[in-house]
N, C-alpha and C. Protein backbone atom coordinates (compact mmCIF):
# COMPACT_ATOMS: atom_id res chain seq x y z
N MET A 1 -145.09 72.50 -1.32
CA MET A 1 -145.18 71.68 -2.52
C MET A 1 -146.65 71.42 -2.84
N HIS A 2 -147.00 71.60 -4.10
CA HIS A 2 -148.36 71.36 -4.55
C HIS A 2 -148.46 70.02 -5.27
N ARG A 3 -149.58 69.33 -5.07
CA ARG A 3 -149.75 67.98 -5.60
C ARG A 3 -149.66 67.94 -7.12
N PHE A 4 -150.22 68.93 -7.81
CA PHE A 4 -150.22 68.89 -9.27
C PHE A 4 -148.80 68.96 -9.82
N GLU A 5 -148.01 69.87 -9.28
CA GLU A 5 -146.63 69.98 -9.74
C GLU A 5 -145.83 68.73 -9.36
N ALA A 6 -146.10 68.18 -8.17
CA ALA A 6 -145.42 66.95 -7.76
C ALA A 6 -145.82 65.78 -8.64
N THR A 7 -147.07 65.74 -9.06
CA THR A 7 -147.54 64.68 -9.95
C THR A 7 -146.81 64.74 -11.30
N LYS A 8 -146.56 65.93 -11.78
CA LYS A 8 -145.80 66.09 -13.03
C LYS A 8 -144.40 65.51 -12.89
N ILE A 9 -143.79 65.70 -11.71
CA ILE A 9 -142.46 65.15 -11.46
C ILE A 9 -142.50 63.63 -11.52
N VAL A 10 -143.52 63.05 -10.88
CA VAL A 10 -143.66 61.59 -10.89
C VAL A 10 -143.78 61.08 -12.32
N LEU A 11 -144.67 61.69 -13.10
CA LEU A 11 -144.87 61.25 -14.48
C LEU A 11 -143.60 61.38 -15.31
N LYS A 12 -142.85 62.42 -15.06
CA LYS A 12 -141.63 62.65 -15.82
C LYS A 12 -140.58 61.57 -15.55
N GLN A 13 -140.58 61.05 -14.32
CA GLN A 13 -139.52 60.12 -13.93
C GLN A 13 -139.86 58.65 -14.15
N ILE A 14 -141.14 58.29 -14.11
CA ILE A 14 -141.45 56.86 -14.05
C ILE A 14 -141.49 56.16 -15.39
N GLY A 15 -141.41 56.92 -16.48
CA GLY A 15 -141.46 56.27 -17.78
C GLY A 15 -142.80 55.61 -18.04
N ASN A 16 -142.77 54.33 -18.40
CA ASN A 16 -144.00 53.63 -18.76
C ASN A 16 -144.53 52.76 -17.61
N ARG A 17 -144.05 52.97 -16.41
CA ARG A 17 -144.51 52.17 -15.28
C ARG A 17 -145.98 52.47 -14.96
N PRO A 18 -146.73 51.47 -14.52
CA PRO A 18 -148.14 51.70 -14.18
C PRO A 18 -148.31 52.50 -12.90
N ILE A 19 -149.35 53.33 -12.87
CA ILE A 19 -149.70 54.14 -11.70
C ILE A 19 -151.13 53.81 -11.29
N VAL A 20 -151.35 53.70 -9.99
CA VAL A 20 -152.71 53.65 -9.43
C VAL A 20 -152.91 54.94 -8.66
N SER A 21 -153.98 55.67 -8.96
CA SER A 21 -154.18 56.97 -8.32
C SER A 21 -155.42 56.97 -7.43
N ASN A 22 -155.29 57.64 -6.30
CA ASN A 22 -156.38 57.77 -5.34
C ASN A 22 -157.54 58.55 -5.95
N LEU A 23 -158.71 58.35 -5.37
CA LEU A 23 -159.89 59.04 -5.89
C LEU A 23 -159.79 60.55 -5.67
N GLY A 24 -160.66 61.30 -6.33
CA GLY A 24 -160.74 62.73 -6.12
C GLY A 24 -159.64 63.51 -6.82
N PRO A 25 -159.13 64.57 -6.17
CA PRO A 25 -158.14 65.44 -6.81
C PRO A 25 -156.89 64.72 -7.29
N THR A 26 -156.49 63.63 -6.62
CA THR A 26 -155.29 62.91 -7.07
C THR A 26 -155.50 62.35 -8.46
N THR A 27 -156.64 61.73 -8.69
CA THR A 27 -156.96 61.21 -10.02
C THR A 27 -157.16 62.33 -11.02
N ASP A 28 -157.90 63.37 -10.63
CA ASP A 28 -158.14 64.50 -11.54
C ASP A 28 -156.83 65.13 -11.99
N GLU A 29 -155.91 65.34 -11.05
CA GLU A 29 -154.66 66.01 -11.38
C GLU A 29 -153.73 65.10 -12.19
N LEU A 30 -153.78 63.80 -11.92
CA LEU A 30 -152.99 62.88 -12.75
C LEU A 30 -153.49 62.91 -14.18
N TRP A 31 -154.79 62.93 -14.37
CA TRP A 31 -155.36 62.98 -15.72
C TRP A 31 -154.92 64.25 -16.45
N HIS A 32 -154.97 65.39 -15.76
CA HIS A 32 -154.57 66.66 -16.38
C HIS A 32 -153.07 66.73 -16.60
N ALA A 33 -152.29 66.13 -15.70
CA ALA A 33 -150.83 66.17 -15.83
C ALA A 33 -150.35 65.31 -16.99
N GLY A 34 -151.08 64.25 -17.28
CA GLY A 34 -150.65 63.39 -18.40
C GLY A 34 -151.48 62.12 -18.48
N HIS A 35 -152.62 62.20 -19.15
CA HIS A 35 -153.46 61.01 -19.32
C HIS A 35 -152.73 59.99 -20.18
N ARG A 36 -152.76 58.73 -19.76
CA ARG A 36 -152.15 57.64 -20.52
C ARG A 36 -152.83 56.34 -20.11
N ASN A 37 -152.67 55.33 -20.93
CA ASN A 37 -153.36 54.06 -20.68
C ASN A 37 -152.85 53.35 -19.43
N ARG A 38 -151.66 53.67 -18.97
CA ARG A 38 -151.08 53.01 -17.80
C ARG A 38 -151.40 53.74 -16.50
N ASN A 39 -152.33 54.70 -16.56
CA ASN A 39 -152.87 55.32 -15.35
C ASN A 39 -154.15 54.58 -14.95
N PHE A 40 -154.16 54.02 -13.75
CA PHE A 40 -155.37 53.37 -13.26
C PHE A 40 -156.05 54.32 -12.28
N TYR A 41 -157.05 55.04 -12.78
CA TYR A 41 -157.78 56.00 -11.96
C TYR A 41 -158.81 55.27 -11.10
N THR A 42 -158.98 55.73 -9.86
CA THR A 42 -160.00 55.11 -9.01
C THR A 42 -161.07 56.13 -8.65
N TRP A 43 -162.30 55.67 -8.61
CA TRP A 43 -163.44 56.50 -8.20
C TRP A 43 -164.24 55.72 -7.17
N GLY A 44 -164.70 56.39 -6.13
CA GLY A 44 -165.59 55.76 -5.16
C GLY A 44 -164.98 54.60 -4.42
N SER A 45 -163.66 54.56 -4.31
CA SER A 45 -163.01 53.43 -3.63
C SER A 45 -162.02 53.96 -2.60
N MET A 46 -162.50 54.84 -1.76
CA MET A 46 -161.64 55.50 -0.78
C MET A 46 -160.99 54.46 0.15
N GLY A 47 -159.69 54.56 0.30
CA GLY A 47 -158.96 53.65 1.17
C GLY A 47 -158.37 52.45 0.45
N LEU A 48 -158.64 52.30 -0.84
CA LEU A 48 -158.24 51.08 -1.54
C LEU A 48 -157.15 51.29 -2.59
N CYS A 49 -156.69 52.49 -2.78
CA CYS A 49 -155.69 52.75 -3.83
C CYS A 49 -154.45 51.89 -3.66
N SER A 50 -153.83 51.92 -2.48
CA SER A 50 -152.60 51.16 -2.29
C SER A 50 -152.87 49.66 -2.17
N SER A 51 -154.08 49.29 -1.80
CA SER A 51 -154.44 47.86 -1.81
C SER A 51 -154.45 47.34 -3.25
N ILE A 52 -155.04 48.12 -4.14
CA ILE A 52 -155.06 47.74 -5.56
C ILE A 52 -153.64 47.67 -6.10
N ALA A 53 -152.82 48.66 -5.76
CA ALA A 53 -151.44 48.67 -6.23
C ALA A 53 -150.65 47.49 -5.68
N LEU A 54 -150.92 47.11 -4.44
CA LEU A 54 -150.25 45.95 -3.85
C LEU A 54 -150.59 44.69 -4.63
N GLY A 55 -151.86 44.50 -4.95
CA GLY A 55 -152.25 43.33 -5.73
C GLY A 55 -151.58 43.31 -7.09
N MET A 56 -151.49 44.46 -7.72
CA MET A 56 -150.80 44.53 -9.02
C MET A 56 -149.33 44.17 -8.87
N ALA A 57 -148.69 44.72 -7.84
CA ALA A 57 -147.25 44.47 -7.67
C ALA A 57 -146.97 42.99 -7.44
N LEU A 58 -147.90 42.30 -6.79
CA LEU A 58 -147.72 40.87 -6.54
C LEU A 58 -148.00 40.03 -7.78
N SER A 59 -148.57 40.67 -8.81
CA SER A 59 -148.97 39.92 -10.00
C SER A 59 -148.13 40.25 -11.23
N THR A 60 -147.13 41.11 -11.08
CA THR A 60 -146.28 41.48 -12.22
C THR A 60 -144.87 41.74 -11.73
N ASP A 61 -143.92 41.66 -12.63
CA ASP A 61 -142.53 41.99 -12.31
C ASP A 61 -142.25 43.48 -12.47
N GLU A 62 -143.17 44.22 -13.06
CA GLU A 62 -142.96 45.64 -13.26
C GLU A 62 -143.09 46.41 -11.95
N GLN A 63 -142.41 47.56 -11.88
CA GLN A 63 -142.61 48.44 -10.73
C GLN A 63 -143.99 49.08 -10.85
N VAL A 64 -144.68 49.15 -9.73
CA VAL A 64 -146.00 49.75 -9.65
C VAL A 64 -145.95 50.92 -8.69
N VAL A 65 -146.55 52.05 -9.08
CA VAL A 65 -146.55 53.25 -8.26
C VAL A 65 -147.96 53.55 -7.80
N SER A 66 -148.13 53.74 -6.49
CA SER A 66 -149.41 54.14 -5.92
C SER A 66 -149.33 55.60 -5.51
N LEU A 67 -150.28 56.41 -5.98
CA LEU A 67 -150.41 57.79 -5.55
C LEU A 67 -151.61 57.87 -4.62
N ASP A 68 -151.35 57.78 -3.33
CA ASP A 68 -152.43 57.69 -2.33
C ASP A 68 -152.57 59.03 -1.60
N GLY A 69 -153.55 59.11 -0.72
CA GLY A 69 -153.78 60.32 0.08
C GLY A 69 -153.81 59.98 1.55
N ASP A 70 -153.43 60.94 2.39
CA ASP A 70 -153.35 60.65 3.83
C ASP A 70 -154.73 60.33 4.41
N GLY A 71 -155.75 61.09 4.02
CA GLY A 71 -157.08 60.83 4.55
C GLY A 71 -157.65 59.52 4.07
N SER A 72 -157.40 59.19 2.81
CA SER A 72 -157.88 57.94 2.25
C SER A 72 -157.20 56.74 2.90
N LEU A 73 -155.89 56.82 3.05
CA LEU A 73 -155.15 55.70 3.61
C LEU A 73 -155.50 55.45 5.07
N LEU A 74 -155.96 56.49 5.76
CA LEU A 74 -156.40 56.31 7.14
C LEU A 74 -157.59 55.36 7.25
N MET A 75 -158.36 55.24 6.18
CA MET A 75 -159.52 54.37 6.19
C MET A 75 -159.14 52.90 6.06
N ASN A 76 -157.87 52.64 5.72
CA ASN A 76 -157.46 51.26 5.49
C ASN A 76 -155.99 51.10 5.87
N LEU A 77 -155.67 51.34 7.14
CA LEU A 77 -154.29 51.23 7.58
C LEU A 77 -153.77 49.80 7.45
N GLY A 78 -154.68 48.84 7.35
CA GLY A 78 -154.25 47.46 7.17
C GLY A 78 -153.47 47.26 5.88
N THR A 79 -153.68 48.16 4.91
CA THR A 79 -152.91 48.09 3.67
C THR A 79 -151.42 48.23 3.95
N ILE A 80 -151.07 49.16 4.85
CA ILE A 80 -149.65 49.37 5.16
C ILE A 80 -149.06 48.12 5.79
N ALA A 81 -149.83 47.50 6.69
CA ALA A 81 -149.35 46.27 7.32
C ALA A 81 -149.21 45.15 6.30
N SER A 82 -150.13 45.07 5.35
CA SER A 82 -150.05 44.03 4.32
C SER A 82 -148.85 44.24 3.42
N ILE A 83 -148.56 45.49 3.10
CA ILE A 83 -147.36 45.77 2.29
C ILE A 83 -146.11 45.36 3.06
N GLY A 84 -146.09 45.67 4.37
CA GLY A 84 -144.96 45.28 5.19
C GLY A 84 -144.82 43.78 5.32
N ARG A 85 -145.93 43.08 5.28
CA ARG A 85 -145.90 41.62 5.37
C ARG A 85 -145.40 40.99 4.07
N GLU A 86 -145.96 41.44 2.96
CA GLU A 86 -145.63 40.83 1.66
C GLU A 86 -144.30 41.34 1.09
N LYS A 87 -143.96 42.58 1.40
CA LYS A 87 -142.71 43.20 0.95
C LYS A 87 -142.44 43.05 -0.55
N PRO A 88 -143.37 43.48 -1.39
CA PRO A 88 -143.10 43.43 -2.83
C PRO A 88 -141.98 44.40 -3.20
N ARG A 89 -140.95 43.90 -3.81
CA ARG A 89 -139.78 44.72 -4.13
C ARG A 89 -140.08 45.75 -5.22
N ASN A 90 -141.21 45.57 -5.91
CA ASN A 90 -141.53 46.43 -7.06
C ASN A 90 -142.66 47.42 -6.78
N LEU A 91 -142.90 47.74 -5.51
CA LEU A 91 -144.00 48.66 -5.17
C LEU A 91 -143.44 49.94 -4.56
N ILE A 92 -143.93 51.07 -5.08
CA ILE A 92 -143.61 52.39 -4.53
C ILE A 92 -144.92 53.07 -4.17
N VAL A 93 -145.09 53.40 -2.91
CA VAL A 93 -146.28 54.13 -2.44
C VAL A 93 -145.88 55.56 -2.14
N ILE A 94 -146.55 56.50 -2.79
CA ILE A 94 -146.38 57.92 -2.48
C ILE A 94 -147.68 58.42 -1.87
N VAL A 95 -147.59 58.96 -0.67
CA VAL A 95 -148.78 59.45 0.03
C VAL A 95 -148.77 60.98 0.00
N TRP A 96 -149.72 61.56 -0.72
CA TRP A 96 -149.87 63.02 -0.71
C TRP A 96 -150.51 63.40 0.62
N ASP A 97 -149.76 64.06 1.48
CA ASP A 97 -150.23 64.38 2.83
C ASP A 97 -150.47 65.88 2.98
N ASN A 98 -151.74 66.28 2.84
CA ASN A 98 -152.11 67.68 3.05
C ASN A 98 -152.67 67.93 4.44
N GLU A 99 -152.67 66.88 5.28
CA GLU A 99 -153.12 66.95 6.67
C GLU A 99 -154.59 67.34 6.79
N GLU A 100 -155.37 66.97 5.75
CA GLU A 100 -156.80 67.28 5.83
C GLU A 100 -157.57 66.41 4.85
N TRP A 101 -158.89 66.39 5.05
CA TRP A 101 -159.78 65.80 4.07
C TRP A 101 -160.25 66.96 3.18
N GLY A 102 -159.46 67.22 2.14
CA GLY A 102 -159.66 68.42 1.35
C GLY A 102 -160.94 68.46 0.56
N GLN A 103 -161.47 67.31 0.20
CA GLN A 103 -162.64 67.28 -0.68
C GLN A 103 -163.96 67.34 0.07
N THR A 104 -163.93 67.15 1.38
CA THR A 104 -165.17 67.06 2.15
C THR A 104 -165.34 68.20 3.15
N GLY A 105 -164.54 69.27 3.00
CA GLY A 105 -164.71 70.40 3.90
C GLY A 105 -163.45 70.85 4.61
N HIS A 106 -162.31 70.28 4.23
CA HIS A 106 -161.02 70.68 4.80
C HIS A 106 -160.91 70.41 6.30
N GLN A 107 -161.53 69.30 6.73
CA GLN A 107 -161.37 68.92 8.13
C GLN A 107 -159.95 68.40 8.36
N PRO A 108 -159.30 68.76 9.48
CA PRO A 108 -157.95 68.27 9.76
C PRO A 108 -157.95 66.74 9.88
N SER A 109 -156.97 66.12 9.25
CA SER A 109 -156.84 64.66 9.34
C SER A 109 -155.95 64.31 10.53
N HIS A 110 -155.75 63.03 10.75
CA HIS A 110 -154.95 62.57 11.88
C HIS A 110 -153.51 63.06 11.80
N THR A 111 -152.99 63.20 10.58
CA THR A 111 -151.60 63.64 10.46
C THR A 111 -151.43 65.08 10.93
N ALA A 112 -152.50 65.86 10.93
CA ALA A 112 -152.44 67.22 11.46
C ALA A 112 -152.40 67.21 12.98
N MET A 113 -152.76 66.07 13.57
CA MET A 113 -152.83 65.97 15.03
C MET A 113 -151.70 65.12 15.62
N GLY A 114 -150.70 64.80 14.79
CA GLY A 114 -149.54 64.12 15.32
C GLY A 114 -149.26 62.73 14.79
N THR A 115 -150.17 62.14 14.03
CA THR A 115 -149.91 60.82 13.47
C THR A 115 -148.77 60.91 12.45
N ASP A 116 -147.77 60.10 12.64
CA ASP A 116 -146.59 60.09 11.76
C ASP A 116 -146.69 58.89 10.83
N ARG A 117 -147.11 59.14 9.60
CA ARG A 117 -147.36 58.04 8.67
C ARG A 117 -146.07 57.29 8.32
N GLU A 118 -144.96 57.98 8.26
CA GLU A 118 -143.71 57.30 7.95
C GLU A 118 -143.34 56.31 9.06
N ARG A 119 -143.52 56.69 10.30
CA ARG A 119 -143.20 55.80 11.42
C ARG A 119 -144.19 54.63 11.47
N VAL A 120 -145.43 54.87 11.06
CA VAL A 120 -146.40 53.77 10.97
C VAL A 120 -145.90 52.74 9.96
N ALA A 121 -145.44 53.21 8.81
CA ALA A 121 -144.92 52.30 7.78
C ALA A 121 -143.70 51.54 8.29
N GLN A 122 -142.82 52.22 8.97
CA GLN A 122 -141.64 51.55 9.53
C GLN A 122 -142.05 50.49 10.55
N GLY A 123 -143.03 50.82 11.38
CA GLY A 123 -143.50 49.86 12.37
C GLY A 123 -144.18 48.65 11.76
N CYS A 124 -144.66 48.81 10.52
CA CYS A 124 -145.30 47.70 9.82
C CYS A 124 -144.29 46.87 9.02
N GLY A 125 -143.02 47.23 9.11
CA GLY A 125 -142.00 46.42 8.46
C GLY A 125 -141.63 46.83 7.05
N ILE A 126 -142.05 48.02 6.63
CA ILE A 126 -141.65 48.50 5.30
C ILE A 126 -140.23 49.03 5.40
N PRO A 127 -139.31 48.46 4.62
CA PRO A 127 -137.88 48.73 4.85
C PRO A 127 -137.39 50.10 4.40
N ARG A 128 -138.03 50.65 3.37
CA ARG A 128 -137.52 51.91 2.81
C ARG A 128 -138.62 52.97 2.87
N THR A 129 -138.37 54.00 3.67
CA THR A 129 -139.35 55.07 3.82
C THR A 129 -138.65 56.42 3.68
N ALA A 130 -139.45 57.45 3.40
CA ALA A 130 -138.90 58.80 3.29
C ALA A 130 -140.02 59.80 3.53
N ARG A 131 -139.63 60.99 3.92
CA ARG A 131 -140.55 62.12 4.08
C ARG A 131 -139.98 63.28 3.30
N VAL A 132 -140.76 63.82 2.38
CA VAL A 132 -140.28 64.92 1.55
C VAL A 132 -141.22 66.10 1.66
N THR A 133 -140.66 67.29 1.56
CA THR A 133 -141.47 68.51 1.69
C THR A 133 -141.29 69.46 0.51
N THR A 134 -140.36 69.16 -0.39
CA THR A 134 -140.13 70.01 -1.55
C THR A 134 -140.08 69.17 -2.82
N GLU A 135 -140.23 69.84 -3.94
CA GLU A 135 -140.17 69.14 -5.23
C GLU A 135 -138.79 68.54 -5.45
N GLU A 136 -137.76 69.24 -5.02
CA GLU A 136 -136.40 68.76 -5.19
C GLU A 136 -136.18 67.47 -4.40
N GLN A 137 -136.68 67.44 -3.16
CA GLN A 137 -136.55 66.24 -2.34
C GLN A 137 -137.32 65.08 -2.96
N LEU A 138 -138.51 65.36 -3.45
CA LEU A 138 -139.31 64.31 -4.09
C LEU A 138 -138.57 63.73 -5.29
N GLU A 139 -138.01 64.59 -6.10
CA GLU A 139 -137.29 64.13 -7.29
C GLU A 139 -136.11 63.24 -6.92
N THR A 140 -135.37 63.64 -5.89
CA THR A 140 -134.20 62.88 -5.45
C THR A 140 -134.59 61.51 -4.89
N VAL A 141 -135.60 61.49 -4.01
CA VAL A 141 -136.02 60.24 -3.38
C VAL A 141 -136.64 59.31 -4.41
N LEU A 142 -137.43 59.85 -5.32
CA LEU A 142 -138.07 59.01 -6.33
C LEU A 142 -137.04 58.37 -7.26
N LYS A 143 -136.01 59.11 -7.61
CA LYS A 143 -134.94 58.53 -8.43
C LYS A 143 -134.33 57.33 -7.74
N GLU A 144 -134.11 57.45 -6.43
CA GLU A 144 -133.55 56.33 -5.68
C GLU A 144 -134.52 55.16 -5.63
N ALA A 145 -135.80 55.47 -5.40
CA ALA A 145 -136.80 54.41 -5.29
C ALA A 145 -136.95 53.63 -6.59
N LEU A 146 -136.79 54.30 -7.71
CA LEU A 146 -136.95 53.65 -9.00
C LEU A 146 -135.79 52.73 -9.35
N THR A 147 -134.69 52.86 -8.61
CA THR A 147 -133.51 52.04 -8.90
C THR A 147 -133.10 51.16 -7.73
N THR A 148 -133.88 51.17 -6.66
CA THR A 148 -133.56 50.40 -5.46
C THR A 148 -134.76 49.53 -5.10
N PRO A 149 -134.56 48.23 -4.86
CA PRO A 149 -135.69 47.37 -4.50
C PRO A 149 -136.45 47.88 -3.28
N GLY A 150 -137.75 47.75 -3.32
CA GLY A 150 -138.63 48.20 -2.24
C GLY A 150 -139.12 47.05 -1.40
N PRO A 151 -140.29 47.24 -0.80
CA PRO A 151 -141.22 48.33 -1.07
C PRO A 151 -140.76 49.66 -0.50
N TRP A 152 -141.20 50.72 -1.16
CA TRP A 152 -140.93 52.08 -0.73
C TRP A 152 -142.23 52.73 -0.24
N PHE A 153 -142.10 53.56 0.78
CA PHE A 153 -143.23 54.32 1.31
C PHE A 153 -142.76 55.75 1.49
N ILE A 154 -143.26 56.64 0.65
CA ILE A 154 -142.80 58.03 0.62
C ILE A 154 -143.96 58.95 1.03
N VAL A 155 -143.78 59.67 2.12
CA VAL A 155 -144.77 60.64 2.57
C VAL A 155 -144.38 62.00 1.99
N ALA A 156 -145.23 62.55 1.14
CA ALA A 156 -144.96 63.83 0.49
C ALA A 156 -145.91 64.88 1.06
N LYS A 157 -145.36 65.80 1.82
CA LYS A 157 -146.17 66.84 2.45
C LYS A 157 -146.53 67.88 1.38
N ILE A 158 -147.82 68.17 1.26
CA ILE A 158 -148.28 69.09 0.23
C ILE A 158 -149.21 70.13 0.85
N GLU A 159 -149.41 71.22 0.11
CA GLU A 159 -150.39 72.24 0.47
C GLU A 159 -151.58 72.11 -0.47
N GLU A 160 -152.76 72.15 0.10
CA GLU A 160 -153.97 72.02 -0.72
C GLU A 160 -154.19 73.30 -1.52
N THR A 161 -154.59 73.14 -2.78
CA THR A 161 -154.87 74.27 -3.65
C THR A 161 -156.26 74.09 -4.26
N GLU A 162 -156.63 75.03 -5.11
CA GLU A 162 -157.91 74.90 -5.80
C GLU A 162 -157.88 73.64 -6.67
N HIS A 163 -159.01 72.91 -6.66
CA HIS A 163 -159.06 71.67 -7.40
C HIS A 163 -159.27 71.93 -8.89
N LEU A 164 -158.65 71.08 -9.70
CA LEU A 164 -158.82 71.15 -11.14
C LEU A 164 -160.16 70.56 -11.55
N PRO A 165 -160.61 70.79 -12.76
CA PRO A 165 -161.86 70.18 -13.22
C PRO A 165 -161.80 68.66 -13.15
N TYR A 166 -162.97 68.04 -12.98
CA TYR A 166 -163.02 66.59 -12.87
C TYR A 166 -162.50 65.92 -14.14
N ALA A 167 -161.78 64.84 -13.93
CA ALA A 167 -161.40 63.99 -15.06
C ALA A 167 -162.62 63.19 -15.51
N PRO A 168 -162.64 62.74 -16.76
CA PRO A 168 -163.77 61.91 -17.22
C PRO A 168 -163.94 60.68 -16.32
N ILE A 169 -165.15 60.43 -15.89
CA ILE A 169 -165.42 59.29 -15.02
C ILE A 169 -165.88 58.13 -15.89
N GLU A 170 -164.97 57.23 -16.20
CA GLU A 170 -165.25 56.11 -17.09
C GLU A 170 -164.49 54.87 -16.61
N PRO A 171 -164.91 54.31 -15.47
CA PRO A 171 -164.15 53.20 -14.88
C PRO A 171 -164.01 51.99 -15.77
N GLU A 172 -165.03 51.68 -16.56
CA GLU A 172 -164.94 50.50 -17.42
C GLU A 172 -163.85 50.68 -18.46
N MET A 173 -163.79 51.87 -19.08
CA MET A 173 -162.77 52.11 -20.09
C MET A 173 -161.38 52.21 -19.47
N THR A 174 -161.31 52.76 -18.26
CA THR A 174 -160.02 52.82 -17.57
C THR A 174 -159.47 51.41 -17.37
N LEU A 175 -160.32 50.50 -16.90
CA LEU A 175 -159.89 49.12 -16.69
C LEU A 175 -159.49 48.47 -18.01
N TYR A 176 -160.28 48.67 -19.05
CA TYR A 176 -160.00 48.06 -20.35
C TYR A 176 -158.66 48.55 -20.90
N ARG A 177 -158.45 49.86 -20.88
CA ARG A 177 -157.20 50.42 -21.41
C ARG A 177 -156.01 49.96 -20.59
N PHE A 178 -156.16 49.96 -19.27
CA PHE A 178 -155.05 49.61 -18.38
C PHE A 178 -154.66 48.15 -18.55
N ARG A 179 -155.63 47.26 -18.54
CA ARG A 179 -155.34 45.83 -18.66
C ARG A 179 -154.70 45.51 -20.00
N ALA A 180 -155.08 46.24 -21.02
CA ALA A 180 -154.54 45.97 -22.36
C ALA A 180 -153.05 46.28 -22.46
N THR A 181 -152.50 47.01 -21.49
CA THR A 181 -151.07 47.35 -21.54
C THR A 181 -150.21 46.25 -20.94
N PHE A 182 -150.82 45.21 -20.36
CA PHE A 182 -150.06 44.12 -19.75
C PHE A 182 -150.14 42.89 -20.63
N PRO A 183 -149.00 42.37 -21.10
CA PRO A 183 -149.03 41.10 -21.83
C PRO A 183 -149.42 39.97 -20.90
N ARG A 184 -150.10 38.98 -21.43
CA ARG A 184 -150.56 37.87 -20.59
C ARG A 184 -149.39 37.19 -19.87
N ALA A 185 -148.23 37.15 -20.51
CA ALA A 185 -147.09 36.45 -19.94
C ALA A 185 -146.57 37.10 -18.66
N SER A 186 -146.93 38.37 -18.41
CA SER A 186 -146.41 39.05 -17.23
C SER A 186 -147.27 38.82 -16.00
N THR A 187 -148.39 38.09 -16.16
CA THR A 187 -149.25 37.84 -15.01
C THR A 187 -148.77 36.62 -14.24
N ASN A 188 -149.26 36.49 -13.04
CA ASN A 188 -148.81 35.43 -12.14
C ASN A 188 -149.90 34.36 -12.05
N PRO A 189 -149.63 33.12 -12.48
CA PRO A 189 -150.67 32.08 -12.45
C PRO A 189 -151.11 31.73 -11.04
N LEU A 190 -150.32 32.08 -10.03
CA LEU A 190 -150.73 31.80 -8.65
C LEU A 190 -151.86 32.72 -8.20
N THR A 191 -151.86 33.96 -8.73
CA THR A 191 -152.90 34.91 -8.36
C THR A 191 -153.94 35.07 -9.45
N GLU A 192 -153.65 34.54 -10.66
CA GLU A 192 -154.62 34.57 -11.74
C GLU A 192 -154.72 33.18 -12.36
N PRO A 193 -155.23 32.22 -11.60
CA PRO A 193 -155.22 30.82 -12.06
C PRO A 193 -156.05 30.57 -13.30
N TRP A 194 -157.00 31.47 -13.61
CA TRP A 194 -157.84 31.22 -14.78
C TRP A 194 -157.03 31.26 -16.08
N LEU A 195 -155.83 31.86 -16.04
CA LEU A 195 -155.01 31.92 -17.24
C LEU A 195 -154.54 30.54 -17.66
N ARG A 196 -154.59 29.56 -16.73
CA ARG A 196 -154.17 28.21 -17.06
C ARG A 196 -155.31 27.41 -17.69
N SER A 197 -156.49 27.99 -17.69
CA SER A 197 -157.65 27.30 -18.23
C SER A 197 -157.60 27.26 -19.75
N LYS A 198 -158.04 26.15 -20.34
CA LYS A 198 -158.06 26.02 -21.80
C LYS A 198 -159.01 27.06 -22.43
N LYS A 199 -159.98 27.49 -21.63
CA LYS A 199 -160.95 28.45 -22.12
C LYS A 199 -160.25 29.74 -22.53
N PHE A 200 -159.14 30.09 -21.86
CA PHE A 200 -158.46 31.34 -22.13
C PHE A 200 -157.18 31.14 -22.93
N SER A 201 -156.93 29.94 -23.42
CA SER A 201 -155.70 29.68 -24.17
C SER A 201 -155.90 29.99 -25.65
């Protein structure tokens, strides 16, 4: 299974749900597969994709999808534990696992040496996990995840291919476009207390 084709499957199924994408090829391929205002692209924030998605899921009732990478998530395994602790029912994490750091020289990652990311998620208390190796399996599991309370943690085994051209690097505009898709009423005053201020009324 290739990440670009799998990304197209995700976009086809999720409708208007927000996506947070990992830096590098994951963001580039999401942009090429279907740029939209509800894609939150990340640059230079390795290890933080699912952390950002977790914060979003805790601040909205909408389902939030994280497209993370195995090498990136290894830099912040505490994210998995935090997801297991908070258990947001509206969070779906998909980990593209190519068993390598593809952008920095194709060095084998920990998953190539026996680390089982799905079992790590289970050990952290995430109730719904899956491992998929084909597009058909991904489509089936994602359909279930979109209709069943989570959090979900889906490990998608992929083969690395030639990288697509870089997506436009414009973090300020990405944030502006993305935030504009959320009505103020959908935010959580416990995590965004400034919304109660008269200054913003």
